[in-house]
Amino acid sequence: MASSKEYLNFILEQFSETEEITYRAMMGEYLLYYRGKVFGGIYDDRFLVKITNSSEKMMPDARRELPYAGAKEMILCDNVDDRDFLRKLVEAMFDELSAPKKKKK
């Protein structure tokens, strides 16, 4: 099941006060970026974030789920109504995220 554009727009609206949030459509789902680094995505209308020390600390009781078969586990973020929490979450995760890979020419 692909994610809906409506859910993507809802999540993006929740991040409207956080600068440099972008997304990329990928096979019916959406990857989410903060300042150029992937921090999570929308999979089957679920907002999932990468597992980092910060995301585990900020959501210690959150469920881990697979975004799709064969993928690494991610943390289900169900606190999507709290804009301040979401901003603090991505800011805390930023330094722990991998730098974007250089494209081969």
PDB file of N, CA and C in Angstrom:
ATOM      1  N   MET A   1       0.845  -1.184   0.000  1.00  0.00           N
ATOM      2  CA  MET A   1       0.000   0.000   0.000  1.00  0.00           C
ATOM      3  C   MET A   1       0.886   1.242   0.000  1.00  0.00           C
ATOM      4  N   ALA A   2       0.670   2.128  -0.916  1.00  0.00           N
ATOM      5  CA  ALA A   2       1.441   3.365  -0.994  1.00  0.00           C
ATOM      6  C   ALA A   2       0.884   4.392  -0.013  1.00  0.00           C
ATOM      7  N   SER A   3       1.728   5.328   0.346  1.00  0.00           N
ATOM      8  CA  SER A   3       1.301   6.404   1.241  1.00  0.00           C
ATOM      9  C   SER A   3       0.549   7.465   0.459  1.00  0.00           C
ATOM     10  N   SER A   4      -0.357   8.133   1.144  1.00  0.00           N
ATOM     11  CA  SER A   4      -1.160   9.161   0.480  1.00  0.00           C
ATOM     12  C   SER A   4      -0.444  10.508   0.497  1.00  0.00           C
ATOM     13  N   LYS A   5      -0.686  11.284  -0.524  1.00  0.00           N
ATOM     14  CA  LYS A   5      -0.152  12.649  -0.598  1.00  0.00           C
ATOM     15  C   LYS A   5      -0.732  13.489   0.540  1.00  0.00           C
ATOM     16  N   GLU A   6      -1.961  13.181   0.951  1.00  0.00           N
ATOM     17  CA  GLU A   6      -2.600  13.913   2.054  1.00  0.00           C
ATOM     18  C   GLU A   6      -1.824  13.720   3.363  1.00  0.00           C
ATOM     19  N   TYR A   7      -1.392  12.485   3.642  1.00  0.00           N
ATOM     20  CA  TYR A   7      -0.627  12.245   4.870  1.00  0.00           C
ATOM     21  C   TYR A   7       0.731  12.940   4.784  1.00  0.00           C
ATOM     22  N   LEU A   8       1.378  12.881   3.631  1.00  0.00           N
ATOM     23  CA  LEU A   8       2.637  13.605   3.436  1.00  0.00           C
ATOM     24  C   LEU A   8       2.432  15.092   3.731  1.00  0.00           C
ATOM     25  N   ASN A   9       1.387  15.680   3.162  1.00  0.00           N
ATOM     26  CA  ASN A   9       1.134  17.104   3.371  1.00  0.00           C
ATOM     27  C   ASN A   9       0.866  17.416   4.838  1.00  0.00           C
ATOM     28  N   PHE A  10       0.188  16.515   5.538  1.00  0.00           N
ATOM     29  CA  PHE A  10      -0.057  16.704   6.972  1.00  0.00           C
ATOM     30  C   PHE A  10       1.270  16.745   7.735  1.00  0.00           C
ATOM     31  N   ILE A  11       2.142  15.770   7.467  1.00  0.00           N
ATOM     32  CA  ILE A  11       3.431  15.720   8.155  1.00  0.00           C
ATOM     33  C   ILE A  11       4.267  16.956   7.806  1.00  0.00           C
ATOM     34  N   LEU A  12       4.295  17.334   6.544  1.00  0.00           N
ATOM     35  CA  LEU A  12       5.047  18.532   6.151  1.00  0.00           C
ATOM     36  C   LEU A  12       4.500  19.776   6.842  1.00  0.00           C
ATOM     37  N   GLU A  13       3.199  19.858   6.999  1.00  0.00           N
ATOM     38  CA  GLU A  13       2.591  20.987   7.716  1.00  0.00           C
ATOM     39  C   GLU A  13       3.039  20.995   9.174  1.00  0.00           C
ATOM     40  N   GLN A  14       3.164  19.823   9.777  1.00  0.00           N
ATOM     41  CA  GLN A  14       3.623  19.742  11.167  1.00  0.00           C
ATOM     42  C   GLN A  14       5.063  20.260  11.289  1.00  0.00           C
ATOM     43  N   PHE A  15       5.828  20.159  10.216  1.00  0.00           N
ATOM     44  CA  PHE A  15       7.208  20.647  10.199  1.00  0.00           C
ATOM     45  C   PHE A  15       7.325  22.048   9.594  1.00  0.00           C
ATOM     46  N   SER A  16       6.212  22.729   9.392  1.00  0.00           N
ATOM     47  CA  SER A  16       6.243  24.013   8.689  1.00  0.00           C
ATOM     48  C   SER A  16       7.081  25.073   9.398  1.00  0.00           C
ATOM     49  N   GLU A  17       7.283  24.943  10.699  1.00  0.00           N
ATOM     50  CA  GLU A  17       8.086  25.917  11.435  1.00  0.00           C
ATOM     51  C   GLU A  17       9.546  25.473  11.552  1.00  0.00           C
ATOM     52  N   THR A  18       9.870  24.324  10.981  1.00  0.00           N
ATOM     53  CA  THR A  18      11.241  23.802  10.986  1.00  0.00           C
ATOM     54  C   THR A  18      11.819  24.025   9.601  1.00  0.00           C
ATOM     55  N   GLU A  19      12.905  24.780   9.533  1.00  0.00           N
ATOM     56  CA  GLU A  19      13.502  25.076   8.234  1.00  0.00           C
ATOM     57  C   GLU A  19      14.247  23.871   7.671  1.00  0.00           C
ATOM     58  N   GLU A  20      14.332  23.832   6.365  1.00  0.00           N
ATOM     59  CA  GLU A  20      15.115  22.852   5.623  1.00  0.00           C
ATOM     60  C   GLU A  20      14.602  21.423   5.716  1.00  0.00           C
ATOM     61  N   ILE A  21      13.287  21.248   5.823  1.00  0.00           N
ATOM     62  CA  ILE A  21      12.681  19.915   5.714  1.00  0.00           C
ATOM     63  C   ILE A  21      12.265  19.743   4.256  1.00  0.00           C
ATOM     64  N   THR A  22      12.740  18.685   3.633  1.00  0.00           N
ATOM     65  CA  THR A  22      12.369  18.389   2.253  1.00  0.00           C
ATOM     66  C   THR A  22      11.981  16.916   2.154  1.00  0.00           C
ATOM     67  N   TYR A  23      11.479  16.533   0.997  1.00  0.00           N
ATOM     68  CA  TYR A  23      11.103  15.137   0.796  1.00  0.00           C
ATOM     69  C   TYR A  23      11.391  14.721  -0.629  1.00  0.00           C
ATOM     70  N   ARG A  24      11.418  13.407  -0.825  1.00  0.00           N
ATOM     71  CA  ARG A  24      11.565  12.831  -2.154  1.00  0.00           C
ATOM     72  C   ARG A  24      10.644  11.624  -2.247  1.00  0.00           C
ATOM     73  N   ALA A  25       9.852  11.579  -3.304  1.00  0.00           N
ATOM     74  CA  ALA A  25       8.989  10.425  -3.546  1.00  0.00           C
ATOM     75  C   ALA A  25       9.856   9.251  -3.979  1.00  0.00           C
ATOM     76  N   MET A  26       9.543   8.066  -3.420  1.00  0.00           N
ATOM     77  CA  MET A  26      10.335   6.880  -3.728  1.00  0.00           C
ATOM     78  C   MET A  26       9.413   5.664  -3.723  1.00  0.00           C
ATOM     79  N   MET A  27       9.054   5.184  -4.885  1.00  0.00           N
ATOM     80  CA  MET A  27       8.234   3.978  -5.051  1.00  0.00           C
ATOM     81  C   MET A  27       6.937   4.024  -4.230  1.00  0.00           C
ATOM     82  N   GLY A  28       6.238   5.115  -4.286  1.00  0.00           N
ATOM     83  CA  GLY A  28       4.958   5.233  -3.592  1.00  0.00           C
ATOM     84  C   GLY A  28       5.067   5.660  -2.138  1.00  0.00           C
ATOM     85  N   GLU A  29       6.288   5.833  -1.667  1.00  0.00           N
ATOM     86  CA  GLU A  29       6.520   6.280  -0.288  1.00  0.00           C
ATOM     87  C   GLU A  29       7.309   7.581  -0.360  1.00  0.00           C
ATOM     88  N   TYR A  30       7.659   8.139   0.799  1.00  0.00           N
ATOM     89  CA  TYR A  30       8.348   9.427   0.824  1.00  0.00           C
ATOM     90  C   TYR A  30       9.502   9.405   1.821  1.00  0.00           C
ATOM     91  N   LEU A  31      10.692   9.769   1.345  1.00  0.00           N
ATOM     92  CA  LEU A  31      11.844   9.938   2.224  1.00  0.00           C
ATOM     93  C   LEU A  31      11.834  11.374   2.714  1.00  0.00           C
ATOM     94  N   LEU A  32      12.139  11.579   3.994  1.00  0.00           N
ATOM     95  CA  LEU A  32      12.155  12.917   4.572  1.00  0.00           C
ATOM     96  C   LEU A  32      13.589  13.297   4.934  1.00  0.00           C
ATOM     97  N   TYR A  33      13.946  14.530   4.617  1.00  0.00           N
ATOM     98  CA  TYR A  33      15.290  15.043   4.829  1.00  0.00           C
ATOM     99  C   TYR A  33      15.250  16.274   5.726  1.00  0.00           C
ATOM    100  N   TYR A  34      16.272  16.395   6.565  1.00  0.00           N
ATOM    101  CA  TYR A  34      16.482  17.604   7.352  1.00  0.00           C
ATOM    102  C   TYR A  34      17.889  18.093   7.036  1.00  0.00           C
ATOM    103  N   ARG A  35      17.975  19.292   6.468  1.00  0.00           N
ATOM    104  CA  ARG A  35      19.255  19.878   6.082  1.00  0.00           C
ATOM    105  C   ARG A  35      20.078  18.915   5.233  1.00  0.00           C
ATOM    106  N   GLY A  36      19.399  18.223   4.328  1.00  0.00           N
ATOM    107  CA  GLY A  36      20.064  17.349   3.373  1.00  0.00           C
ATOM    108  C   GLY A  36      20.311  15.928   3.824  1.00  0.00           C
ATOM    109  N   LYS A  37      20.002  15.600   5.068  1.00  0.00           N
ATOM    110  CA  LYS A  37      20.217  14.240   5.578  1.00  0.00           C
ATOM    111  C   LYS A  37      18.880  13.538   5.779  1.00  0.00           C
ATOM    112  N   VAL A  38      18.806  12.274   5.351  1.00  0.00           N
ATOM    113  CA  VAL A  38      17.584  11.487   5.554  1.00  0.00           C
ATOM    114  C   VAL A  38      17.428  11.197   7.048  1.00  0.00           C
ATOM    115  N   PHE A  39      16.262  11.546   7.597  1.00  0.00           N
ATOM    116  CA  PHE A  39      16.005  11.242   9.005  1.00  0.00           C
ATOM    117  C   PHE A  39      14.844  10.286   9.181  1.00  0.00           C
ATOM    118  N   GLY A  40      14.062  10.083   8.141  1.00  0.00           N
ATOM    119  CA  GLY A  40      12.918   9.191   8.255  1.00  0.00           C
ATOM    120  C   GLY A  40      12.131   9.173   6.961  1.00  0.00           C
ATOM    121  N   GLY A  41      10.881   8.758   7.094  1.00  0.00           N
ATOM    122  CA  GLY A  41      10.044   8.703   5.913  1.00  0.00           C
ATOM    123  C   GLY A  41       8.612   8.363   6.266  1.00  0.00           C
ATOM    124  N   ILE A  42       7.815   8.379   5.230  1.00  0.00           N
ATOM    125  CA  ILE A  42       6.406   8.007   5.361  1.00  0.00           C
ATOM    126  C   ILE A  42       6.218   6.722   4.566  1.00  0.00           C
ATOM    127  N   TYR A  43       5.814   5.688   5.277  1.00  0.00           N
ATOM    128  CA  TYR A  43       5.645   4.354   4.701  1.00  0.00           C
ATOM    129  C   TYR A  43       4.273   3.835   5.094  1.00  0.00           C
ATOM    130  N   ASP A  44       3.447   3.526   4.120  1.00  0.00           N
ATOM    131  CA  ASP A  44       2.082   3.043   4.389  1.00  0.00           C
ATOM    132  C   ASP A  44       1.356   3.975   5.358  1.00  0.00           C
ATOM    133  N   ASP A  45       1.483   5.273   5.121  1.00  0.00           N
ATOM    134  CA  ASP A  45       0.867   6.306   5.965  1.00  0.00           C
ATOM    135  C   ASP A  45       1.268   6.199   7.433  1.00  0.00           C
ATOM    136  N   ARG A  46       2.529   5.806   7.654  1.00  0.00           N
ATOM    137  CA  ARG A  46       3.124   5.803   8.996  1.00  0.00           C
ATOM    138  C   ARG A  46       4.358   6.683   8.930  1.00  0.00           C
ATOM    139  N   PHE A  47       4.564   7.509   9.948  1.00  0.00           N
ATOM    140  CA  PHE A  47       5.746   8.351  10.031  1.00  0.00           C
ATOM    141  C   PHE A  47       6.797   7.603  10.845  1.00  0.00           C
ATOM    142  N   LEU A  48       7.869   7.172  10.162  1.00  0.00           N
ATOM    143  CA  LEU A  48       8.941   6.414  10.798  1.00  0.00           C
ATOM    144  C   LEU A  48      10.229   7.221  10.751  1.00  0.00           C
ATOM    145  N   VAL A  49      11.021   7.136  11.823  1.00  0.00           N
ATOM    146  CA  VAL A  49      12.316   7.814  11.855  1.00  0.00           C
ATOM    147  C   VAL A  49      13.419   6.796  12.084  1.00  0.00           C
ATOM    148  N   LYS A  50      14.622   7.173  11.673  1.00  0.00           N
ATOM    149  CA  LYS A  50      15.775   6.300  11.868  1.00  0.00           C
ATOM    150  C   LYS A  50      16.039   6.115  13.356  1.00  0.00           C
ATOM    151  N   ILE A  51      16.626   4.980  13.656  1.00  0.00           N
ATOM    152  CA  ILE A  51      17.009   4.699  15.046  1.00  0.00           C
ATOM    153  C   ILE A  51      18.372   5.340  15.297  1.00  0.00           C
ATOM    154  N   THR A  52      18.386   6.297  16.198  1.00  0.00           N
ATOM    155  CA  THR A  52      19.623   6.948  16.643  1.00  0.00           C
ATOM    156  C   THR A  52      19.557   7.009  18.170  1.00  0.00           C
ATOM    157  N   ASN A  53      20.664   7.355  18.796  1.00  0.00           N
ATOM    158  CA  ASN A  53      20.641   7.512  20.258  1.00  0.00           C
ATOM    159  C   ASN A  53      19.589   8.540  20.664  1.00  0.00           C
ATOM    160  N   SER A  54      19.516   9.641  19.920  1.00  0.00           N
ATOM    161  CA  SER A  54      18.565  10.708  20.251  1.00  0.00           C
ATOM    162  C   SER A  54      17.118  10.274  20.061  1.00  0.00           C
ATOM    163  N   SER A  55      16.826   9.603  18.954  1.00  0.00           N
ATOM    164  CA  SER A  55      15.434   9.193  18.727  1.00  0.00           C
ATOM    165  C   SER A  55      15.001   8.150  19.755  1.00  0.00           C
ATOM    166  N   GLU A  56      15.924   7.263  20.155  1.00  0.00           N
ATOM    167  CA  GLU A  56      15.594   6.279  21.198  1.00  0.00           C
ATOM    168  C   GLU A  56      15.376   6.965  22.545  1.00  0.00           C
ATOM    169  N   LYS A  57      16.201   7.959  22.842  1.00  0.00           N
ATOM    170  CA  LYS A  57      16.075   8.680  24.114  1.00  0.00           C
ATOM    171  C   LYS A  57      14.765   9.467  24.186  1.00  0.00           C
ATOM    172  N   MET A  58      14.394  10.084  23.052  1.00  0.00           N
ATOM    173  CA  MET A  58      13.198  10.930  23.048  1.00  0.00           C
ATOM    174  C   MET A  58      11.898  10.132  22.939  1.00  0.00           C
ATOM    175  N   MET A  59      12.000   8.888  22.454  1.00  0.00           N
ATOM    176  CA  MET A  59      10.820   8.036  22.314  1.00  0.00           C
ATOM    177  C   MET A  59      11.138   6.631  22.826  1.00  0.00           C
ATOM    178  N   PRO A  60      11.436   6.493  24.121  1.00  0.00           N
ATOM    179  CA  PRO A  60      11.898   5.203  24.650  1.00  0.00           C
ATOM    180  C   PRO A  60      10.878   4.077  24.558  1.00  0.00           C
ATOM    181  N   ASP A  61       9.609   4.401  24.516  1.00  0.00           N
ATOM    182  CA  ASP A  61       8.573   3.362  24.492  1.00  0.00           C
ATOM    183  C   ASP A  61       7.953   3.164  23.116  1.00  0.00           C
ATOM    184  N   ALA A  62       8.502   3.846  22.118  1.00  0.00           N
ATOM    185  CA  ALA A  62       7.927   3.756  20.770  1.00  0.00           C
ATOM    186  C   ALA A  62       8.183   2.384  20.163  1.00  0.00           C
ATOM    187  N   ARG A  63       7.240   1.955  19.327  1.00  0.00           N
ATOM    188  CA  ARG A  63       7.375   0.666  18.639  1.00  0.00           C
ATOM    189  C   ARG A  63       8.381   0.787  17.499  1.00  0.00           C
ATOM    190  N   ARG A  64       9.055  -0.298  17.255  1.00  0.00           N
ATOM    191  CA  ARG A  64       9.928  -0.401  16.085  1.00  0.00           C
ATOM    192  C   ARG A  64       9.173  -1.159  15.010  1.00  0.00           C
ATOM    193  N   GLU A  65       9.269  -0.649  13.809  1.00  0.00           N
ATOM    194  CA  GLU A  65       8.555  -1.277  12.699  1.00  0.00           C
ATOM    195  C   GLU A  65       9.430  -1.291  11.464  1.00  0.00           C
ATOM    196  N   LEU A  66       9.100  -2.191  10.560  1.00  0.00           N
ATOM    197  CA  LEU A  66       9.788  -2.258   9.279  1.00  0.00           C
ATOM    198  C   LEU A  66       9.055  -1.362   8.286  1.00  0.00           C
ATOM    199  N   PRO A  67       9.776  -0.480   7.592  1.00  0.00           N
ATOM    200  CA  PRO A  67       9.106   0.349   6.602  1.00  0.00           C
ATOM    201  C   PRO A  67       8.591  -0.474   5.418  1.00  0.00           C
ATOM    202  N   TYR A  68       9.349  -1.529   5.075  1.00  0.00           N
ATOM    203  CA  TYR A  68       8.973  -2.453   4.003  1.00  0.00           C
ATOM    204  C   TYR A  68       9.787  -3.723   4.199  1.00  0.00           C
ATOM    205  N   ALA A  69       9.396  -4.783   3.540  1.00  0.00           N
ATOM    206  CA  ALA A  69      10.076  -6.072   3.695  1.00  0.00           C
ATOM    207  C   ALA A  69      11.546  -5.956   3.321  1.00  0.00           C
ATOM    208  N   GLY A  70      12.400  -6.474   4.193  1.00  0.00           N
ATOM    209  CA  GLY A  70      13.827  -6.482   3.937  1.00  0.00           C
ATOM    210  C   GLY A  70      14.562  -5.230   4.407  1.00  0.00           C
ATOM    211  N   ALA A  71      13.850  -4.262   4.936  1.00  0.00           N
ATOM    212  CA  ALA A  71      14.467  -3.009   5.393  1.00  0.00           C
ATOM    213  C   ALA A  71      14.894  -3.116   6.854  1.00  0.00           C
ATOM    214  N   LYS A  72      15.712  -2.162   7.292  1.00  0.00           N
ATOM    215  CA  LYS A  72      16.084  -2.068   8.696  1.00  0.00           C
ATOM    216  C   LYS A  72      14.909  -1.511   9.480  1.00  0.00           C
ATOM    217  N   GLU A  73      14.824  -1.891  10.743  1.00  0.00           N
ATOM    218  CA  GLU A  73      13.769  -1.351  11.615  1.00  0.00           C
ATOM    219  C   GLU A  73      13.923   0.153  11.772  1.00  0.00           C
ATOM    220  N   MET A  74      12.784   0.790  11.976  1.00  0.00           N
ATOM    221  CA  MET A  74      12.740   2.217  12.258  1.00  0.00           C
ATOM    222  C   MET A  74      11.803   2.415  13.439  1.00  0.00           C
ATOM    223  N   ILE A  75      11.788   3.617  13.975  1.00  0.00           N
ATOM    224  CA  ILE A  75      10.920   3.926  15.114  1.00  0.00           C
ATOM    225  C   ILE A  75       9.656   4.596  14.610  1.00  0.00           C
ATOM    226  N   LEU A  76       8.513   4.068  15.033  1.00  0.00           N
ATOM    227  CA  LEU A  76       7.223   4.665  14.695  1.00  0.00           C
ATOM    228  C   LEU A  76       7.028   5.901  15.563  1.00  0.00           C
ATOM    229  N   CYS A  77       6.878   7.037  14.922  1.00  0.00           N
ATOM    230  CA  CYS A  77       6.632   8.286  15.641  1.00  0.00           C
ATOM    231  C   CYS A  77       5.136   8.564  15.574  1.00  0.00           C
ATOM    232  N   ASP A  78       4.452   8.328  16.687  1.00  0.00           N
ATOM    233  CA  ASP A  78       3.008   8.564  16.683  1.00  0.00           C
ATOM    234  C   ASP A  78       2.638   9.878  17.379  1.00  0.00           C
ATOM    235  N   ASN A  79       3.642  10.659  17.748  1.00  0.00           N
ATOM    236  CA  ASN A  79       3.415  11.950  18.393  1.00  0.00           C
ATOM    237  C   ASN A  79       3.436  13.056  17.330  1.00  0.00           C
ATOM    238  N   VAL A  80       2.711  12.835  16.243  1.00  0.00           N
ATOM    239  CA  VAL A  80       2.780  13.742  15.095  1.00  0.00           C
ATOM    240  C   VAL A  80       1.998  15.039  15.283  1.00  0.00           C
ATOM    241  N   ASP A  81       1.222  15.159  16.333  1.00  0.00           N
ATOM    242  CA  ASP A  81       0.459  16.386  16.554  1.00  0.00           C
ATOM    243  C   ASP A  81       1.254  17.446  17.313  1.00  0.00           C
ATOM    244  N   ASP A  82       2.415  17.091  17.824  1.00  0.00           N
ATOM    245  CA  ASP A  82       3.229  18.004  18.626  1.00  0.00           C
ATOM    246  C   ASP A  82       4.371  18.560  17.777  1.00  0.00           C
ATOM    247  N   ARG A  83       4.158  19.723  17.173  1.00  0.00           N
ATOM    248  CA  ARG A  83       5.147  20.335  16.275  1.00  0.00           C
ATOM    249  C   ARG A  83       6.465  20.618  16.982  1.00  0.00           C
ATOM    250  N   ASP A  84       6.394  21.083  18.214  1.00  0.00           N
ATOM    251  CA  ASP A  84       7.606  21.408  18.959  1.00  0.00           C
ATOM    252  C   ASP A  84       8.437  20.143  19.192  1.00  0.00           C
ATOM    253  N   PHE A  85       7.771  19.049  19.550  1.00  0.00           N
ATOM    254  CA  PHE A  85       8.470  17.776  19.743  1.00  0.00           C
ATOM    255  C   PHE A  85       9.149  17.333  18.448  1.00  0.00           C
ATOM    256  N   LEU A  86       8.442  17.422  17.313  1.00  0.00           N
ATOM    257  CA  LEU A  86       8.998  16.995  16.030  1.00  0.00           C
ATOM    258  C   LEU A  86      10.230  17.813  15.664  1.00  0.00           C
ATOM    259  N   ARG A  87      10.174  19.118  15.896  1.00  0.00           N
ATOM    260  CA  ARG A  87      11.320  19.982  15.612  1.00  0.00           C
ATOM    261  C   ARG A  87      12.512  19.575  16.476  1.00  0.00           C
ATOM    262  N   LYS A  88      12.270  19.392  17.773  1.00  0.00           N
ATOM    263  CA  LYS A  88      13.348  18.998  18.685  1.00  0.00           C
ATOM    264  C   LYS A  88      13.916  17.624  18.312  1.00  0.00           C
ATOM    265  N   LEU A  89      13.063  16.733  17.865  1.00  0.00           N
ATOM    266  CA  LEU A  89      13.495  15.394  17.480  1.00  0.00           C
ATOM    267  C   LEU A  89      14.478  15.446  16.317  1.00  0.00           C
ATOM    268  N   VAL A  90      14.120  16.117  15.224  1.00  0.00           N
ATOM    269  CA  VAL A  90      15.021  16.144  14.060  1.00  0.00           C
ATOM    270  C   VAL A  90      16.294  16.931  14.361  1.00  0.00           C
ATOM    271  N   GLU A  91      16.186  17.967  15.167  1.00  0.00           N
ATOM    272  CA  GLU A  91      17.385  18.728  15.530  1.00  0.00           C
ATOM    273  C   GLU A  91      18.327  17.865  16.375  1.00  0.00           C
ATOM    274  N   ALA A  92      17.773  17.082  17.292  1.00  0.00           N
ATOM    275  CA  ALA A  92      18.596  16.208  18.136  1.00  0.00           C
ATOM    276  C   ALA A  92      19.237  15.092  17.312  1.00  0.00           C
ATOM    277  N   MET A  93      18.526  14.582  16.323  1.00  0.00           N
ATOM    278  CA  MET A  93      19.029  13.483  15.508  1.00  0.00           C
ATOM    279  C   MET A  93      20.098  13.913  14.507  1.00  0.00           C
ATOM    280  N   PHE A  94      20.113  15.172  14.115  1.00  0.00           N
ATOM    281  CA  PHE A  94      20.892  15.637  12.969  1.00  0.00           C
ATOM    282  C   PHE A  94      22.354  15.193  12.984  1.00  0.00           C
ATOM    283  N   ASP A  95      23.063  15.425  14.060  1.00  0.00           N
ATOM    284  CA  ASP A  95      24.492  15.095  14.099  1.00  0.00           C
ATOM    285  C   ASP A  95      24.760  13.592  14.045  1.00  0.00           C
ATOM    286  N   GLU A  96      23.763  12.791  14.352  1.00  0.00           N
ATOM    287  CA  GLU A  96      23.929  11.336  14.329  1.00  0.00           C
ATOM    288  C   GLU A  96      23.595  10.720  12.970  1.00  0.00           C
ATOM    289  N   LEU A  97      23.045  11.511  12.070  1.00  0.00           N
ATOM    290  CA  LEU A  97      22.637  11.012  10.763  1.00  0.00           C
ATOM    291  C   LEU A  97      23.808  10.974   9.795  1.00  0.00           C
ATOM    292  N   SER A  98      23.757  10.038   8.879  1.00  0.00           N
ATOM    293  CA  SER A  98      24.805   9.917   7.866  1.00  0.00           C
ATOM    294  C   SER A  98      24.739  11.082   6.887  1.00  0.00           C
ATOM    295  N   ALA A  99      25.909  11.504   6.448  1.00  0.00           N
ATOM    296  CA  ALA A  99      25.967  12.547   5.415  1.00  0.00           C
ATOM    297  C   ALA A  99      25.457  11.961   4.106  1.00  0.00           C
ATOM    298  N   PRO A 100      24.890  12.802   3.253  1.00  0.00           N
ATOM    299  CA  PRO A 100      24.414  12.298   1.959  1.00  0.00           C
ATOM    300  C   PRO A 100      25.566  11.694   1.158  1.00  0.00           C
ATOM    301  N   LYS A 101      25.254  10.622   0.442  1.00  0.00           N
ATOM    302  CA  LYS A 101      26.263   9.973  -0.389  1.00  0.00           C
ATOM    303  C   LYS A 101      26.508  10.817  -1.631  1.00  0.00           C
ATOM    304  N   LYS A 102      27.770  10.874  -2.030  1.00  0.00           N
ATOM    305  CA  LYS A 102      28.132  11.597  -3.261  1.00  0.00           C
ATOM    306  C   LYS A 102      27.628  10.809  -4.458  1.00  0.00           C
ATOM    307  N   LYS A 103      27.043  11.524  -5.430  1.00  0.00           N
ATOM    308  CA  LYS A 103      26.569  10.868  -6.640  1.00  0.00           C
ATOM    309  C   LYS A 103      27.750  10.595  -7.573  1.00  0.00           C
ATOM    310  N   LYS A 104      27.738   9.412  -8.160  1.00  0.00           N
ATOM    311  CA  LYS A 104      28.785   9.061  -9.125  1.00  0.00           C
ATOM    312  C   LYS A 104      28.481   9.726 -10.446  1.00  0.00           C
ATOM    313  N   LYS A 105      29.547  10.169 -11.116  1.00  0.00           N
ATOM    314  CA  LYS A 105      29.364  10.829 -12.415  1.00  0.00           C
ATOM    315  C   LYS A 105      29.713   9.902 -13.537  1.00  0.00           C
TER     316      LYS A 105
END
